[in-house]
Amino acid sequence: MTNTFPDISLSTERLVLRPLEDDDVPAFTEMMNDEQVVAWTSVPQPFTEDSARTWISEYAPTERTAGRGLDLAVTEFLTQRLVGVIQLGRTNWHVRSTELSYIVAPWARGEGYASEAALATAQWLFRDQKLERLELRTAADNTASQQVAQKIGCISEGVLRGACIARTRTEDGDWAEARTDFIVWSLLPEDIEGVAEQLADSGGFTTYSDWN
């Protein structure tokens, strides 16, 4: 039998993490066409509303039911506005591990939303899904993503040389691919002990409060 992630919603003080919905298409499309998202991810370009609908209605459900991963929309609790996406992939149910990644809309950056959503997801995965290891990969020059990994307690394990294809703007405004390194991070259950409290004490955020 294939293990799968449940259809889940998680909540923190500021955020709700839930499955992507058709109503997310416009905001999801806009976010995926942002310069930083294009530069540091493999999101197909141009990313159209049809691309968003296919992702939401076909790709994400297939990944979940096949046991490979899970996509969650990250929304503001008060406004319900789409903040970003948390994605799990390359899940190995025998090893009890998965790879975690995150994308944040440009208007929501600098608010600690990525680390809040990532930590809530990690807590749920370790406590409820009984996973034993999360892995994150950040491009060598993507310092913002590396700061998120550090904030939630990840340990840097090493470098995968030349393993990442990033994109840069050319002089004529097009995108060109550039090879760079991946920094590999891991997070184990014991690594997040006290992390939420430390962030809350520093004016960050509180841990997740519930799931359903």
Protein backbone atom coordinates (compact mmCIF):
# COMPACT_ATOMS: atom_id res chain seq x y z
CA MET A 1 0.00 0.00 0.00
CA THR A 2 1.24 3.50 -0.88
CA ASN A 3 1.49 5.92 2.01
CA THR A 4 -0.04 9.30 1.27
CA PHE A 5 -0.36 12.64 2.99
CA PRO A 6 -3.90 13.51 4.10
CA ASP A 7 -5.93 16.43 2.77
CA ILE A 8 -4.88 18.73 5.58
CA SER A 9 -5.33 22.27 6.82
CA LEU A 10 -2.92 23.73 9.40
CA SER A 11 -3.24 27.00 11.25
CA THR A 12 -0.81 29.26 13.08
CA GLU A 13 -1.44 32.61 14.74
CA ARG A 14 -1.15 34.44 11.41
CA LEU A 15 -1.52 31.81 8.70
CA VAL A 16 -3.69 29.04 7.34
CA LEU A 17 -2.08 26.28 5.27
CA ARG A 18 -4.59 24.44 3.09
CA PRO A 19 -4.92 22.69 -0.30
CA LEU A 20 -4.72 24.94 -3.33
CA GLU A 21 -8.12 25.92 -4.77
CA ASP A 22 -9.43 27.23 -8.09
CA ASP A 23 -9.92 30.66 -6.53
CA ASP A 24 -6.13 30.81 -6.00
CA VAL A 25 -5.43 30.82 -9.76
CA PRO A 26 -4.93 34.60 -10.30
CA ALA A 27 -2.72 35.15 -7.23
CA PHE A 28 -0.85 31.87 -7.79
CA THR A 29 -0.12 32.84 -11.40
CA GLU A 30 1.14 36.28 -10.41
CA MET A 31 3.39 34.84 -7.71
CA MET A 32 4.92 32.22 -10.01
CA ASN A 33 5.88 34.92 -12.54
CA ASP A 34 7.77 36.99 -9.97
CA GLU A 35 11.43 37.62 -10.84
CA GLN A 36 12.80 35.91 -7.73
CA VAL A 37 10.60 32.85 -8.20
CA VAL A 38 11.70 32.53 -11.82
CA ALA A 39 15.36 32.97 -10.86
CA TRP A 40 15.52 30.38 -8.10
CA THR A 41 13.00 27.71 -9.10
CA SER A 42 12.32 25.46 -12.08
CA VAL A 43 8.78 26.83 -12.53
CA PRO A 44 7.93 26.72 -16.27
CA GLN A 45 7.90 30.09 -18.00
CA PRO A 46 5.74 31.77 -18.96
CA PHE A 47 3.50 30.58 -16.12
CA THR A 48 -0.06 31.17 -17.31
CA GLU A 49 -3.43 30.84 -15.61
CA ASP A 50 -3.86 27.57 -17.52
CA SER A 51 -0.57 26.42 -15.97
CA ALA A 52 -1.92 27.32 -12.53
CA ARG A 53 -5.19 25.45 -13.11
CA THR A 54 -3.31 22.36 -14.28
CA TRP A 55 -1.04 22.52 -11.23
CA ILE A 56 -4.01 22.86 -8.86
CA SER A 57 -6.40 20.37 -10.46
CA GLU A 58 -3.98 17.74 -11.80
CA TYR A 59 -0.37 17.96 -10.62
CA ALA A 60 -0.89 18.60 -6.90
CA PRO A 61 -3.65 15.97 -6.39
CA THR A 62 -1.65 13.37 -8.34
CA GLU A 63 1.50 13.97 -6.28
CA ARG A 64 -0.51 13.58 -3.07
CA THR A 65 -2.46 10.45 -4.01
CA ALA A 66 0.68 8.82 -5.42
CA GLY A 67 2.41 9.40 -2.09
CA ARG A 68 5.18 11.53 -3.56
CA GLY A 69 4.40 14.88 -1.97
CA LEU A 70 2.01 17.58 -0.89
CA ASP A 71 1.30 21.16 -2.00
CA LEU A 72 -0.23 23.62 0.47
CA ALA A 73 -1.40 27.16 -0.14
CA VAL A 74 -0.21 29.53 2.59
CA THR A 75 -2.78 32.25 3.30
CA GLU A 76 -3.13 35.11 5.77
CA PHE A 77 -5.55 34.18 8.53
CA LEU A 78 -7.25 37.59 8.60
CA THR A 79 -7.37 38.49 4.89
CA GLN A 80 -7.25 35.00 3.31
CA ARG A 81 -4.78 36.46 0.82
CA LEU A 82 -2.35 33.99 -0.78
CA VAL A 83 1.03 34.44 0.90
CA GLY A 84 2.86 31.58 -0.77
CA VAL A 85 3.16 27.83 -1.20
CA ILE A 86 4.73 25.04 0.83
CA GLN A 87 5.71 22.01 -1.22
CA LEU A 88 6.78 18.53 -0.15
CA GLY A 89 8.39 16.21 -2.68
CA ARG A 90 10.64 13.19 -3.17
CA THR A 91 8.94 11.56 -0.18
CA ASN A 92 10.38 8.23 0.94
CA TRP A 93 7.93 6.51 3.28
CA HIS A 94 10.36 3.73 4.17
CA VAL A 95 13.04 6.18 5.28
CA ARG A 96 10.29 8.50 6.61
CA SER A 97 11.76 11.54 4.87
CA THR A 98 10.64 14.24 2.47
CA GLU A 99 12.03 17.36 0.79
CA LEU A 100 10.50 20.70 1.77
CA SER A 101 10.50 23.88 -0.29
CA TYR A 102 8.71 27.22 -0.09
CA ILE A 103 7.74 30.14 -2.29
CA VAL A 104 6.56 33.49 -0.94
CA ALA A 105 4.75 36.21 -2.88
CA PRO A 106 6.82 39.41 -3.27
CA TRP A 107 4.38 41.55 -1.25
CA ALA A 108 4.64 39.15 1.73
CA ARG A 109 8.42 38.89 2.01
CA GLY A 110 10.21 40.12 5.10
CA GLU A 111 7.33 39.21 7.44
CA GLY A 112 8.63 35.81 8.56
CA TYR A 113 5.84 34.01 6.75
CA ALA A 114 8.10 31.44 5.07
CA SER A 115 9.73 30.33 8.33
CA GLU A 116 6.36 30.32 10.13
CA ALA A 117 4.77 28.12 7.48
CA ALA A 118 7.80 25.86 7.15
CA LEU A 119 8.08 25.33 10.90
CA ALA A 120 4.36 24.58 11.26
CA THR A 121 4.65 22.03 8.45
CA ALA A 122 7.72 20.45 10.03
CA GLN A 123 6.03 20.16 13.42
CA TRP A 124 3.02 18.47 11.84
CA LEU A 125 5.18 16.10 9.79
CA PHE A 126 7.24 15.02 12.79
CA ARG A 127 4.41 14.76 15.31
CA ASP A 128 1.48 13.55 13.25
CA GLN A 129 2.98 11.89 10.18
CA LYS A 130 5.89 10.39 12.12
CA LEU A 131 8.50 11.51 9.61
CA GLU A 132 12.11 11.41 10.81
CA ARG A 133 13.92 13.70 8.37
CA LEU A 134 13.21 16.78 6.26
CA GLU A 135 15.62 17.92 3.58
CA LEU A 136 15.89 21.39 2.05
CA ARG A 137 18.01 22.47 -0.90
CA THR A 138 18.84 26.11 -1.47
CA ALA A 139 20.76 27.64 -4.35
CA ALA A 140 24.19 28.85 -3.27
CA ASP A 141 23.34 32.52 -3.83
CA ASN A 142 19.76 32.40 -2.53
CA THR A 143 20.51 33.90 0.87
CA ALA A 144 16.85 34.59 1.72
CA SER A 145 15.99 30.90 1.42
CA GLN A 146 19.04 29.96 3.47
CA GLN A 147 17.96 32.33 6.26
CA VAL A 148 14.58 30.55 6.43
CA ALA A 149 16.33 27.19 6.78
CA GLN A 150 18.51 28.54 9.59
CA LYS A 151 15.58 30.13 11.42
CA ILE A 152 13.66 26.86 11.69
CA GLY A 153 16.68 24.96 13.00
CA CYS A 154 18.03 23.26 9.87
CA ILE A 155 21.61 21.98 9.83
CA SER A 156 23.75 22.55 6.75
CA GLU A 157 25.08 19.18 5.60
CA GLY A 158 27.16 20.12 2.60
CA VAL A 159 27.20 21.25 -1.01
CA LEU A 160 26.03 19.52 -4.16
CA ARG A 161 28.40 21.07 -6.67
CA GLY A 162 26.86 22.19 -9.94
CA ALA A 163 23.55 20.52 -9.11
CA CYS A 164 21.27 23.57 -9.44
CA ILE A 165 20.11 25.36 -12.56
CA ALA A 166 19.23 28.97 -11.74
CA ARG A 167 18.06 31.65 -14.16
CA THR A 168 19.43 35.14 -14.73
CA ARG A 169 18.26 38.09 -16.79
CA THR A 170 20.20 38.80 -19.99
CA GLU A 171 20.87 42.27 -21.39
CA ASP A 172 17.98 41.91 -23.83
CA GLY A 173 15.57 41.02 -21.02
CA ASP A 174 15.33 37.29 -21.66
CA TRP A 175 16.13 34.55 -19.16
CA ALA A 176 19.30 32.48 -19.39
CA GLU A 177 20.14 29.37 -17.38
CA ALA A 178 23.19 29.35 -15.13
CA ARG A 179 24.60 26.38 -13.26
CA THR A 180 25.32 26.81 -9.56
CA ASP A 181 25.59 24.75 -6.37
CA PHE A 182 22.91 23.46 -4.03
CA ILE A 183 23.39 23.77 -0.27
CA VAL A 184 21.77 20.77 1.42
CA TRP A 185 20.05 21.25 4.77
CA SER A 186 18.40 18.72 7.04
CA LEU A 187 15.90 18.97 9.86
CA LEU A 188 15.34 16.17 12.38
CA PRO A 189 12.69 16.07 15.13
CA GLU A 190 15.17 17.06 17.83
CA ASP A 191 16.34 20.08 15.82
CA ILE A 192 13.06 21.99 16.23
CA GLU A 193 12.79 21.64 20.00
CA GLY A 194 12.50 25.18 21.36
CA VAL A 195 12.71 26.84 17.93
CA ALA A 196 9.13 28.14 17.99
CA GLU A 197 9.59 29.55 21.50
CA GLN A 198 12.81 31.31 20.50
CA LEU A 199 11.16 32.91 17.49
CA ALA A 200 8.12 33.94 19.54
CA ASP A 201 10.36 35.52 22.19
CA SER A 202 12.18 37.48 19.50
CA GLY A 203 8.92 38.87 18.14
CA GLY A 204 8.55 36.23 15.47
CA PHE A 205 5.51 33.97 15.61
CA THR A 206 3.81 31.22 17.53
CA THR A 207 3.66 27.54 16.66
CA TYR A 208 0.79 25.93 14.80
CA SER A 209 -2.34 25.67 16.88
CA ASP A 210 -4.45 23.03 15.16
CA TRP A 211 -4.99 20.83 12.16
CA ASN A 212 -8.05 19.17 10.68
